[in-house]
Amino acid sequence: MEELQDPQILRTVLQGLHIGICLEDRDRRIIFWNDGAERISGYRQHEVLGHFLRETILMPCNDQGCPLCSASCPFAQVLQDGKPREARIQARHKDGQRIPLRASLVPIRNARGSLIGIAASFDEQKFTSDRERRQHGLAAYGCLDLITGIPSHGFTEFHLRENLAGFVQYRLPFSILRIQVDRLQEFSSAYGREAADAILRVVAQSLQNNLRPSDFLGRWENDEFLAILMNAQGAGPMRAGERLRKVVECVELRWWGDQLSITVSIGHATAQSGDSPETLLERALQSREHSSPPRAAAAAAASRDGSPDTSKS
């Protein structure tokens, strides 16, 4: 029907799609941002239209948390050779966390065949929502940490003992990562407890978004998380820890006008015969202590007057 070819109707359909749709012009400025893109990224239309995607708005990174800039950026590659691409990228949500996305990029051409922009569709990887559904079930039984929304220390300890029992009885291999947020106390002293809690939330969500569906992440100590990696042995836990460390390095949180750069220190250990939770945790702690010393979080060392701004952008 001719009515369905009406550009305004087509635009309305694109605007209401659940998946994210973004159009960039030849200069890489965003000219269209639909409801799905708002839902996934946290950014409203008025915050992104006319801006560059390579800015903090949905800034893409690869699976190791490294920024995709210049020639390595799939968006730049489409503009260069005019070929469509599929990409798996890490993107920065408005609240600072890293989210894994699947993106399809296609060139936009005018009637003369000249390339005038890029159309991108993107969505969160499915296992993220699956994990959220499982955690909603845990919430009903009081098993979630109130600050971060991930499993509490008590439930994490239970899960660790359960995995050790499975290892003893069935030899099901697993490893753990002890993940410490560097200098959290300094952030708290400089910016207040609310800022420290916001850091814990954004780190927890970034870590959880980048673990496999079979893996587990829970709260451990005040500044520490515990990840349980199933079927992970040999060099696998160390590689996983390094990947997660790089992901967190891309996390940014704005607080009271300052941009807080966050880092983590990670130790790993693999379950062995005769292990107890205490011996496994101790080996992971020793591994972390023998790794490179954490880099200073410069923003945490800064002091300021006044109360923290509870709005983050």
C-alpha atoms as a PDB file:
ATOM      1  CA  MET A   1       0.000   0.000   0.000  1.00  0.00           C
ATOM      2  CA  GLU A   2       1.151   3.515  -0.790  1.00  0.00           C
ATOM      3  CA  GLU A   3       0.457   4.623   2.790  1.00  0.00           C
ATOM      4  CA  LEU A   4       3.163   2.287   4.082  1.00  0.00           C
ATOM      5  CA  GLN A   5       5.689   4.057   1.854  1.00  0.00           C
ATOM      6  CA  ASP A   6       5.046   7.362   3.585  1.00  0.00           C
ATOM      7  CA  PRO A   7       8.448   8.465   5.024  1.00  0.00           C
ATOM      8  CA  GLN A   8       6.773   9.680   8.212  1.00  0.00           C
ATOM      9  CA  ILE A   9       5.185   6.277   8.818  1.00  0.00           C
ATOM     10  CA  LEU A  10       8.522   4.548   8.216  1.00  0.00           C
ATOM     11  CA  ARG A  11      10.216   6.935  10.623  1.00  0.00           C
ATOM     12  CA  THR A  12       7.559   6.265  13.276  1.00  0.00           C
ATOM     13  CA  VAL A  13       8.073   2.512  12.899  1.00  0.00           C
ATOM     14  CA  LEU A  14      11.853   2.850  13.269  1.00  0.00           C
ATOM     15  CA  GLN A  15      11.394   5.135  16.260  1.00  0.00           C
ATOM     16  CA  GLY A  16       9.306   2.585  18.145  1.00  0.00           C
ATOM     17  CA  LEU A  17      11.456  -0.512  17.561  1.00  0.00           C
ATOM     18  CA  HIS A  18      12.750  -2.326  20.666  1.00  0.00           C
ATOM     19  CA  ILE A  19      16.246  -2.690  19.210  1.00  0.00           C
ATOM     20  CA  GLY A  20      18.513   0.334  19.009  1.00  0.00           C
ATOM     21  CA  ILE A  21      18.626   2.226  15.709  1.00  0.00           C
ATOM     22  CA  CYS A  22      21.177   4.970  15.097  1.00  0.00           C
ATOM     23  CA  LEU A  23      21.925   6.932  11.910  1.00  0.00           C
ATOM     24  CA  GLU A  24      25.166   8.854  11.437  1.00  0.00           C
ATOM     25  CA  ASP A  25      25.940  11.319   8.674  1.00  0.00           C
ATOM     26  CA  ARG A  26      29.180  11.428   6.706  1.00  0.00           C
ATOM     27  CA  ASP A  27      30.821  13.490   9.453  1.00  0.00           C
ATOM     28  CA  ARG A  28      29.887  10.807  12.033  1.00  0.00           C
ATOM     29  CA  ARG A  29      27.295  12.999  13.761  1.00  0.00           C
ATOM     30  CA  ILE A  30      24.169  11.281  15.101  1.00  0.00           C
ATOM     31  CA  ILE A  31      21.052  12.315  13.174  1.00  0.00           C
ATOM     32  CA  PHE A  32      18.580   9.663  14.395  1.00  0.00           C
ATOM     33  CA  TRP A  33      18.257   7.871  17.752  1.00  0.00           C
ATOM     34  CA  ASN A  34      15.219   5.714  18.432  1.00  0.00           C
ATOM     35  CA  ASP A  35      13.393   4.540  21.560  1.00  0.00           C
ATOM     36  CA  GLY A  36      15.331   1.251  21.590  1.00  0.00           C
ATOM     37  CA  ALA A  37      18.641   3.129  21.582  1.00  0.00           C
ATOM     38  CA  GLU A  38      17.420   5.181  24.551  1.00  0.00           C
ATOM     39  CA  ARG A  39      16.464   2.017  26.441  1.00  0.00           C
ATOM     40  CA  ILE A  40      19.769   0.248  25.806  1.00  0.00           C
ATOM     41  CA  SER A  41      22.150   3.174  26.310  1.00  0.00           C
ATOM     42  CA  GLY A  42      20.349   5.309  28.876  1.00  0.00           C
ATOM     43  CA  TYR A  43      20.807   8.394  26.648  1.00  0.00           C
ATOM     44  CA  ARG A  44      17.752  10.366  25.515  1.00  0.00           C
ATOM     45  CA  GLN A  45      17.443  11.758  21.999  1.00  0.00           C
ATOM     46  CA  HIS A  46      18.117  15.355  23.001  1.00  0.00           C
ATOM     47  CA  GLU A  47      21.383  14.253  24.628  1.00  0.00           C
ATOM     48  CA  VAL A  48      22.822  12.617  21.518  1.00  0.00           C
ATOM     49  CA  LEU A  49      21.457  14.235  18.356  1.00  0.00           C
ATOM     50  CA  GLY A  50      24.187  16.283  16.693  1.00  0.00           C
ATOM     51  CA  HIS A  51      26.923  14.631  18.766  1.00  0.00           C
ATOM     52  CA  PHE A  52      29.609  12.173  17.686  1.00  0.00           C
ATOM     53  CA  LEU A  53      29.122   8.513  18.567  1.00  0.00           C
ATOM     54  CA  ARG A  54      32.840   8.254  19.317  1.00  0.00           C
ATOM     55  CA  GLU A  55      32.377  10.677  22.205  1.00  0.00           C
ATOM     56  CA  THR A  56      31.343   9.310  25.611  1.00  0.00           C
ATOM     57  CA  ILE A  57      27.917   8.584  24.083  1.00  0.00           C
ATOM     58  CA  LEU A  58      27.932   4.823  23.508  1.00  0.00           C
ATOM     59  CA  MET A  59      31.692   4.936  22.876  1.00  0.00           C
ATOM     60  CA  PRO A  60      32.546   1.501  21.415  1.00  0.00           C
ATOM     61  CA  CYS A  61      35.290  -0.809  22.689  1.00  0.00           C
ATOM     62  CA  ASN A  62      36.318  -4.310  21.680  1.00  0.00           C
ATOM     63  CA  ASP A  63      35.802  -7.465  23.747  1.00  0.00           C
ATOM     64  CA  GLN A  64      38.953  -6.668  25.771  1.00  0.00           C
ATOM     65  CA  GLY A  65      37.657  -3.252  26.794  1.00  0.00           C
ATOM     66  CA  CYS A  66      40.001  -1.313  24.483  1.00  0.00           C
ATOM     67  CA  PRO A  67      38.553   1.738  22.681  1.00  0.00           C
ATOM     68  CA  LEU A  68      37.813   1.160  19.005  1.00  0.00           C
ATOM     69  CA  CYS A  69      39.190   4.288  17.458  1.00  0.00           C
ATOM     70  CA  SER A  70      40.644   5.360  14.112  1.00  0.00           C
ATOM     71  CA  ALA A  71      40.995   2.518  11.603  1.00  0.00           C
ATOM     72  CA  SER A  72      39.956  -0.207  14.055  1.00  0.00           C
ATOM     73  CA  CYS A  73      36.464   1.235  14.561  1.00  0.00           C
ATOM     74  CA  PRO A  74      33.835  -0.769  12.628  1.00  0.00           C
ATOM     75  CA  PHE A  75      31.911   2.466  11.947  1.00  0.00           C
ATOM     76  CA  ALA A  76      35.018   4.032  10.381  1.00  0.00           C
ATOM     77  CA  GLN A  77      35.616   0.872   8.344  1.00  0.00           C
ATOM     78  CA  VAL A  78      32.114   1.034   6.851  1.00  0.00           C
ATOM     79  CA  LEU A  79      32.705   4.650   5.836  1.00  0.00           C
ATOM     80  CA  GLN A  80      36.044   3.689   4.326  1.00  0.00           C
ATOM     81  CA  ASP A  81      35.052   0.722   2.185  1.00  0.00           C
ATOM     82  CA  GLY A  82      31.269   1.010   2.032  1.00  0.00           C
ATOM     83  CA  LYS A  83      30.699  -2.593   3.100  1.00  0.00           C
ATOM     84  CA  PRO A  84      28.183  -3.720   5.762  1.00  0.00           C
ATOM     85  CA  ARG A  85      29.544  -5.270   8.938  1.00  0.00           C
ATOM     86  CA  GLU A  86      28.520  -7.264  11.974  1.00  0.00           C
ATOM     87  CA  ALA A  87      30.338  -6.360  15.183  1.00  0.00           C
ATOM     88  CA  ARG A  88      30.389  -7.327  18.842  1.00  0.00           C
ATOM     89  CA  ILE A  89      31.375  -4.306  20.875  1.00  0.00           C
ATOM     90  CA  GLN A  90      31.511  -3.028  24.432  1.00  0.00           C
ATOM     91  CA  ALA A  91      29.654   0.242  24.905  1.00  0.00           C
ATOM     92  CA  ARG A  92      29.487   2.728  27.746  1.00  0.00           C
ATOM     93  CA  HIS A  93      26.024   3.119  29.266  1.00  0.00           C
ATOM     94  CA  LYS A  94      25.015   6.556  30.532  1.00  0.00           C
ATOM     95  CA  ASP A  95      25.465   5.402  34.133  1.00  0.00           C
ATOM     96  CA  GLY A  96      29.072   4.389  33.343  1.00  0.00           C
ATOM     97  CA  GLN A  97      28.851   0.604  33.135  1.00  0.00           C
ATOM     98  CA  ARG A  98      30.071  -1.399  30.155  1.00  0.00           C
ATOM     99  CA  ILE A  99      27.455  -3.319  28.203  1.00  0.00           C
ATOM    100  CA  PRO A 100      28.106  -5.940  25.491  1.00  0.00           C
ATOM    101  CA  LEU A 101      26.269  -5.245  22.242  1.00  0.00           C
ATOM    102  CA  ARG A 102      25.703  -6.957  18.934  1.00  0.00           C
ATOM    103  CA  ALA A 103      25.692  -4.382  16.142  1.00  0.00           C
ATOM    104  CA  SER A 104      24.852  -4.490  12.435  1.00  0.00           C
ATOM    105  CA  LEU A 105      26.235  -1.622  10.369  1.00  0.00           C
ATOM    106  CA  VAL A 106      25.205  -0.765   6.802  1.00  0.00           C
ATOM    107  CA  PRO A 107      26.232   2.136   4.555  1.00  0.00           C
ATOM    108  CA  ILE A 108      23.635   4.710   3.493  1.00  0.00           C
ATOM    109  CA  ARG A 109      23.872   5.884  -0.116  1.00  0.00           C
ATOM    110  CA  ASN A 110      22.057   8.615  -2.019  1.00  0.00           C
ATOM    111  CA  ALA A 111      20.386   8.264  -5.420  1.00  0.00           C
ATOM    112  CA  ARG A 112      23.756   8.732  -7.142  1.00  0.00           C
ATOM    113  CA  GLY A 113      25.329   5.924  -5.136  1.00  0.00           C
ATOM    114  CA  SER A 114      27.503   8.192  -2.988  1.00  0.00           C
ATOM    115  CA  LEU A 115      28.012   7.111   0.622  1.00  0.00           C
ATOM    116  CA  ILE A 116      26.371   9.684   2.889  1.00  0.00           C
ATOM    117  CA  GLY A 117      26.193   7.945   6.257  1.00  0.00           C
ATOM    118  CA  ILE A 118      25.811   4.791   8.334  1.00  0.00           C
ATOM    119  CA  ALA A 119      22.778   2.995   9.733  1.00  0.00           C
ATOM    120  CA  ALA A 120      23.423   0.920  12.851  1.00  0.00           C
ATOM    121  CA  SER A 121      21.118  -1.469  14.673  1.00  0.00           C
ATOM    122  CA  PHE A 122      22.243  -2.841  18.019  1.00  0.00           C
ATOM    123  CA  ASP A 123      20.973  -4.821  20.980  1.00  0.00           C
ATOM    124  CA  GLU A 124      22.252  -6.254  24.231  1.00  0.00           C
ATOM    125  CA  GLN A 125      23.566  -9.786  24.160  1.00  0.00           C
ATOM    126  CA  LYS A 126      20.760 -12.098  25.260  1.00  0.00           C
ATOM    127  CA  PHE A 127      22.460 -13.691  28.267  1.00  0.00           C
ATOM    128  CA  THR A 128      22.435 -10.332  30.065  1.00  0.00           C
ATOM    129  CA  SER A 129      18.643 -10.327  30.336  1.00  0.00           C
ATOM    130  CA  ASP A 130      18.622 -14.051  31.179  1.00  0.00           C
ATOM    131  CA  ARG A 131      20.886 -13.380  34.155  1.00  0.00           C
ATOM    132  CA  GLU A 132      18.697 -10.497  35.254  1.00  0.00           C
ATOM    133  CA  ARG A 133      15.672 -12.799  35.319  1.00  0.00           C
ATOM    134  CA  ARG A 134      17.532 -15.281  37.524  1.00  0.00           C
ATOM    135  CA  GLN A 135      18.512 -12.525  39.929  1.00  0.00           C
ATOM    136  CA  HIS A 136      14.958 -11.264  40.172  1.00  0.00           C
ATOM    137  CA  GLY A 137      14.153 -14.718  41.559  1.00  0.00           C
ATOM    138  CA  LEU A 138      16.939 -14.421  44.135  1.00  0.00           C
ATOM    139  CA  ALA A 139      15.662 -11.006  45.198  1.00  0.00           C
ATOM    140  CA  ALA A 140      12.416 -12.556  46.394  1.00  0.00           C
ATOM    141  CA  TYR A 141      14.404 -14.568  48.962  1.00  0.00           C
ATOM    142  CA  GLY A 142      16.644 -11.735  50.155  1.00  0.00           C
ATOM    143  CA  CYS A 143      19.764 -13.127  48.475  1.00  0.00           C
ATOM    144  CA  LEU A 144      20.881  -9.917  46.749  1.00  0.00           C
ATOM    145  CA  ASP A 145      23.250  -7.234  48.002  1.00  0.00           C
ATOM    146  CA  LEU A 146      21.318  -4.003  48.572  1.00  0.00           C
ATOM    147  CA  ILE A 147      24.022  -1.702  47.169  1.00  0.00           C
ATOM    148  CA  THR A 148      25.037  -3.520  43.988  1.00  0.00           C
ATOM    149  CA  GLY A 149      22.025  -5.685  43.167  1.00  0.00           C
ATOM    150  CA  ILE A 150      24.168  -8.811  42.721  1.00  0.00           C
ATOM    151  CA  PRO A 151      24.209 -11.870  45.045  1.00  0.00           C
ATOM    152  CA  SER A 152      25.078 -11.006  48.639  1.00  0.00           C
ATOM    153  CA  HIS A 153      28.149 -12.142  50.550  1.00  0.00           C
ATOM    154  CA  GLY A 154      26.162 -14.872  52.306  1.00  0.00           C
ATOM    155  CA  PHE A 155      24.717 -16.309  49.108  1.00  0.00           C
ATOM    156  CA  THR A 156      28.121 -16.032  47.382  1.00  0.00           C
ATOM    157  CA  GLU A 157      29.747 -18.017  50.189  1.00  0.00           C
ATOM    158  CA  PHE A 158      27.004 -20.651  49.872  1.00  0.00           C
ATOM    159  CA  HIS A 159      27.565 -20.827  46.100  1.00  0.00           C
ATOM    160  CA  LEU A 160      31.329 -21.225  46.580  1.00  0.00           C
ATOM    161  CA  ARG A 161      30.850 -24.122  49.006  1.00  0.00           C
ATOM    162  CA  GLU A 162      28.354 -25.696  46.614  1.00  0.00           C
ATOM    163  CA  ASN A 163      30.886 -25.571  43.768  1.00  0.00           C
ATOM    164  CA  LEU A 164      33.584 -27.061  45.977  1.00  0.00           C
ATOM    165  CA  ALA A 165      31.226 -29.928  46.869  1.00  0.00           C
ATOM    166  CA  GLY A 166      30.629 -30.515  43.153  1.00  0.00           C
ATOM    167  CA  PHE A 167      34.374 -30.533  42.561  1.00  0.00           C
ATOM    168  CA  VAL A 168      34.977 -33.076  45.338  1.00  0.00           C
ATOM    169  CA  GLN A 169      32.210 -35.418  44.247  1.00  0.00           C
ATOM    170  CA  TYR A 170      32.240 -35.050  40.462  1.00  0.00           C
ATOM    171  CA  ARG A 171      35.576 -33.305  39.724  1.00  0.00           C
ATOM    172  CA  LEU A 172      33.735 -30.414  38.055  1.00  0.00           C
ATOM    173  CA  PRO A 173      36.519 -27.854  37.486  1.00  0.00           C
ATOM    174  CA  PHE A 174      36.132 -24.210  38.426  1.00  0.00           C
ATOM    175  CA  SER A 175      38.228 -21.201  39.330  1.00  0.00           C
ATOM    176  CA  ILE A 176      37.638 -18.013  41.262  1.00  0.00           C
ATOM    177  CA  LEU A 177      38.598 -14.375  40.800  1.00  0.00           C
ATOM    178  CA  ARG A 178      38.941 -12.037  43.776  1.00  0.00           C
ATOM    179  CA  ILE A 179      38.263  -8.598  42.313  1.00  0.00           C
ATOM    180  CA  GLN A 180      39.106  -5.580  44.450  1.00  0.00           C
ATOM    181  CA  VAL A 181      38.101  -2.029  43.573  1.00  0.00           C
ATOM    182  CA  ASP A 182      41.287  -0.005  43.967  1.00  0.00           C
ATOM    183  CA  ARG A 183      41.309   2.824  46.508  1.00  0.00           C
ATOM    184  CA  LEU A 184      37.609   2.705  47.239  1.00  0.00           C
ATOM    185  CA  GLN A 185      38.203   4.230  50.678  1.00  0.00           C
ATOM    186  CA  GLU A 186      39.975   7.198  49.082  1.00  0.00           C
ATOM    187  CA  PHE A 187      37.015   7.745  46.772  1.00  0.00           C
ATOM    188  CA  SER A 188      34.720   7.592  49.793  1.00  0.00           C
ATOM    189  CA  SER A 189      36.818  10.093  51.749  1.00  0.00           C
ATOM    190  CA  ALA A 190      37.026  12.513  48.823  1.00  0.00           C
ATOM    191  CA  TYR A 191      33.490  12.241  47.450  1.00  0.00           C
ATOM    192  CA  GLY A 192      31.395  10.576  50.137  1.00  0.00           C
ATOM    193  CA  ARG A 193      29.831   7.189  50.761  1.00  0.00           C
ATOM    194  CA  GLU A 194      27.238   7.660  48.019  1.00  0.00           C
ATOM    195  CA  ALA A 195      29.985   8.002  45.422  1.00  0.00           C
ATOM    196  CA  ALA A 196      31.689   4.847  46.670  1.00  0.00           C
ATOM    197  CA  ASP A 197      28.392   2.975  46.448  1.00  0.00           C
ATOM    198  CA  ALA A 198      27.869   4.263  42.900  1.00  0.00           C
ATOM    199  CA  ILE A 199      31.340   2.981  41.969  1.00  0.00           C
ATOM    200  CA  LEU A 200      30.531  -0.444  43.399  1.00  0.00           C
ATOM    201  CA  ARG A 201      27.282  -0.570  41.413  1.00  0.00           C
ATOM    202  CA  VAL A 202      28.815   0.405  38.093  1.00  0.00           C
ATOM    203  CA  VAL A 203      31.758  -1.993  38.531  1.00  0.00           C
ATOM    204  CA  ALA A 204      29.436  -4.842  39.535  1.00  0.00           C
ATOM    205  CA  GLN A 205      27.223  -4.362  36.494  1.00  0.00           C
ATOM    206  CA  SER A 206      30.184  -4.015  34.117  1.00  0.00           C
ATOM    207  CA  LEU A 207      31.745  -7.219  35.446  1.00  0.00           C
ATOM    208  CA  GLN A 208      28.476  -9.117  35.338  1.00  0.00           C
ATOM    209  CA  ASN A 209      27.707  -7.957  31.804  1.00  0.00           C
ATOM    210  CA  ASN A 210      31.040  -9.365  30.641  1.00  0.00           C
ATOM    211  CA  LEU A 211      31.016 -12.780  32.295  1.00  0.00           C
ATOM    212  CA  ARG A 212      29.731 -15.906  30.588  1.00  0.00           C
ATOM    213  CA  PRO A 213      26.158 -17.035  31.354  1.00  0.00           C
ATOM    214  CA  SER A 214      27.547 -20.009  33.288  1.00  0.00           C
ATOM    215  CA  ASP A 215      29.747 -17.823  35.525  1.00  0.00           C
ATOM    216  CA  PHE A 216      28.758 -16.295  38.848  1.00  0.00           C
ATOM    217  CA  LEU A 217      29.506 -12.897  40.374  1.00  0.00           C
ATOM    218  CA  GLY A 218      28.750 -11.951  43.972  1.00  0.00           C
ATOM    219  CA  ARG A 219      29.660  -9.417  46.635  1.00  0.00           C
ATOM    220  CA  TRP A 220      32.494 -10.449  48.937  1.00  0.00           C
ATOM    221  CA  GLU A 221      34.208  -7.836  51.094  1.00  0.00           C
ATOM    222  CA  ASN A 222      33.368  -4.129  51.295  1.00  0.00           C
ATOM    223  CA  ASP A 223      35.539  -3.305  48.267  1.00  0.00           C
ATOM    224  CA  GLU A 224      35.655  -6.757  46.721  1.00  0.00           C
ATOM    225  CA  PHE A 225      33.712  -9.057  44.424  1.00  0.00           C
ATOM    226  CA  LEU A 226      34.062 -12.796  43.904  1.00  0.00           C
ATOM    227  CA  ALA A 227      33.633 -14.375  40.484  1.00  0.00           C
ATOM    228  CA  ILE A 228      33.243 -18.143  40.100  1.00  0.00           C
ATOM    229  CA  LEU A 229      34.224 -19.358  36.635  1.00  0.00           C
ATOM    230  CA  MET A 230      32.946 -22.776  35.625  1.00  0.00           C
ATOM    231  CA  ASN A 231      35.150 -25.112  33.553  1.00  0.00           C
ATOM    232  CA  ALA A 232      38.018 -22.639  33.817  1.00  0.00           C
ATOM    233  CA  GLN A 233      41.523 -24.026  34.282  1.00  0.00           C
ATOM    234  CA  GLY A 234      45.100 -23.401  33.240  1.00  0.00           C
ATOM    235  CA  ALA A 235      45.672 -19.936  31.847  1.00  0.00           C
ATOM    236  CA  GLY A 236      41.936 -19.329  31.397  1.00  0.00           C
ATOM    237  CA  PRO A 237      41.283 -17.617  34.763  1.00  0.00           C
ATOM    238  CA  MET A 238      44.268 -15.306  34.339  1.00  0.00           C
ATOM    239  CA  ARG A 239      43.122 -14.304  30.845  1.00  0.00           C
ATOM    240  CA  ALA A 240      39.575 -13.768  32.088  1.00  0.00           C
ATOM    241  CA  GLY A 241      40.847 -11.567  34.906  1.00  0.00           C
ATOM    242  CA  GLU A 242      42.941  -9.473  32.535  1.00  0.00           C
ATOM    243  CA  ARG A 243      39.985  -9.017  30.185  1.00  0.00           C
ATOM    244  CA  LEU A 244      37.730  -7.906  33.041  1.00  0.00           C
ATOM    245  CA  ARG A 245      40.391  -5.536  34.332  1.00  0.00           C
ATOM    246  CA  LYS A 246      40.508  -3.817  30.929  1.00  0.00           C
ATOM    247  CA  VAL A 247      36.717  -3.642  30.798  1.00  0.00           C
ATOM    248  CA  VAL A 248      36.632  -1.805  34.132  1.00  0.00           C
ATOM    249  CA  GLU A 249      39.338   0.602  32.936  1.00  0.00           C
ATOM    250  CA  CYS A 250      36.813   1.805  30.336  1.00  0.00           C
ATOM    251  CA  VAL A 251      34.229   2.498  33.045  1.00  0.00           C
ATOM    252  CA  GLU A 252      33.699   6.183  33.778  1.00  0.00           C
ATOM    253  CA  LEU A 253      31.550   7.780  36.431  1.00  0.00           C
ATOM    254  CA  ARG A 254      30.863  11.501  36.638  1.00  0.00           C
ATOM    255  CA  TRP A 255      30.397  12.781  40.161  1.00  0.00           C
ATOM    256  CA  TRP A 256      30.115  16.408  41.256  1.00  0.00           C
ATOM    257  CA  GLY A 257      31.572  17.529  37.916  1.00  0.00           C
ATOM    258  CA  ASP A 258      34.568  15.187  38.158  1.00  0.00           C
ATOM    259  CA  GLN A 259      35.150  12.161  35.968  1.00  0.00           C
ATOM    260  CA  LEU A 260      36.211   9.275  38.202  1.00  0.00           C
ATOM    261  CA  SER A 261      38.552   6.729  36.635  1.00  0.00           C
ATOM    262  CA  ILE A 262      38.166   3.303  38.216  1.00  0.00           C
ATOM    263  CA  THR A 263      40.590   0.386  38.309  1.00  0.00           C
ATOM    264  CA  VAL A 264      40.522  -3.055  39.899  1.00  0.00           C
ATOM    265  CA  SER A 265      43.111  -5.578  41.084  1.00  0.00           C
ATOM    266  CA  ILE A 266      42.343  -9.225  40.390  1.00  0.00           C
ATOM    267  CA  GLY A 267      43.738 -12.466  41.795  1.00  0.00           C
ATOM    268  CA  HIS A 268      42.822 -15.949  40.593  1.00  0.00           C
ATOM    269  CA  ALA A 269      42.932 -19.529  41.854  1.00  0.00           C
ATOM    270  CA  THR A 270      41.738 -22.898  40.512  1.00  0.00           C
ATOM    271  CA  ALA A 271      40.121 -25.533  42.727  1.00  0.00           C
ATOM    272  CA  GLN A 272      42.489 -28.351  43.723  1.00  0.00           C
ATOM    273  CA  SER A 273      42.149 -31.603  45.651  1.00  0.00           C
ATOM    274  CA  GLY A 274      41.905 -30.970  49.392  1.00  0.00           C
ATOM    275  CA  ASP A 275      40.795 -27.351  48.982  1.00  0.00           C
ATOM    276  CA  SER A 276      38.523 -25.663  51.463  1.00  0.00           C
ATOM    277  CA  PRO A 277      36.899 -22.289  50.765  1.00  0.00           C
ATOM    278  CA  GLU A 278      39.586 -20.708  52.939  1.00  0.00           C
ATOM    279  CA  THR A 279      42.570 -22.215  51.088  1.00  0.00           C
ATOM    280  CA  LEU A 280      41.094 -21.391  47.670  1.00  0.00           C
ATOM    281  CA  LEU A 281      40.374 -17.805  48.686  1.00  0.00           C
ATOM    282  CA  GLU A 282      43.850 -17.428  50.190  1.00  0.00           C
ATOM    283  CA  ARG A 283      45.566 -18.539  46.966  1.00  0.00           C
ATOM    284  CA  ALA A 284      43.500 -16.041  44.995  1.00  0.00           C
ATOM    285  CA  LEU A 285      44.460 -13.304  47.470  1.00  0.00           C
ATOM    286  CA  GLN A 286      48.153 -14.185  47.188  1.00  0.00           C
ATOM    287  CA  SER A 287      47.868 -14.125  43.411  1.00  0.00           C
ATOM    288  CA  ARG A 288      46.435 -10.619  43.586  1.00  0.00           C
ATOM    289  CA  GLU A 289      49.077  -9.398  45.996  1.00  0.00           C
ATOM    290  CA  HIS A 290      51.862 -10.692  43.757  1.00  0.00           C
ATOM    291  CA  SER A 291      50.442  -9.032  40.655  1.00  0.00           C
ATOM    292  CA  SER A 292      51.414  -5.519  39.577  1.00  0.00           C
ATOM    293  CA  PRO A 293      50.490  -2.840  42.131  1.00  0.00           C
ATOM    294  CA  PRO A 294      47.316  -0.970  41.225  1.00  0.00           C
ATOM    295  CA  ARG A 295      47.655   2.349  39.523  1.00  0.00           C
ATOM    296  CA  ALA A 296      46.498   5.306  41.555  1.00  0.00           C
ATOM    297  CA  ALA A 297      43.009   6.578  40.892  1.00  0.00           C
ATOM    298  CA  ALA A 298      43.905  10.221  40.538  1.00  0.00           C
ATOM    299  CA  ALA A 299      40.391  11.468  41.052  1.00  0.00           C
ATOM    300  CA  ALA A 300      40.075   9.644  44.358  1.00  0.00           C
ATOM    301  CA  ALA A 301      43.031  11.500  45.783  1.00  0.00           C
ATOM    302  CA  ALA A 302      41.471  14.863  45.045  1.00  0.00           C
ATOM    303  CA  SER A 303      39.564  16.540  47.819  1.00  0.00           C
ATOM    304  CA  ARG A 304      36.750  19.025  47.539  1.00  0.00           C
ATOM    305  CA  ASP A 305      34.248  20.935  49.640  1.00  0.00           C
ATOM    306  CA  GLY A 306      30.503  20.508  49.627  1.00  0.00           C
ATOM    307  CA  SER A 307      28.185  17.526  49.429  1.00  0.00           C
ATOM    308  CA  PRO A 308      28.175  15.056  46.533  1.00  0.00           C
ATOM    309  CA  ASP A 309      25.860  15.458  43.589  1.00  0.00           C
ATOM    310  CA  THR A 310      23.674  12.374  43.461  1.00  0.00           C
ATOM    311  CA  SER A 311      22.950  12.842  39.759  1.00  0.00           C
ATOM    312  CA  LYS A 312      25.321  11.092  37.390  1.00  0.00           C
ATOM    313  CA  SER A 313      25.722  11.602  33.677  1.00  0.00           C
END
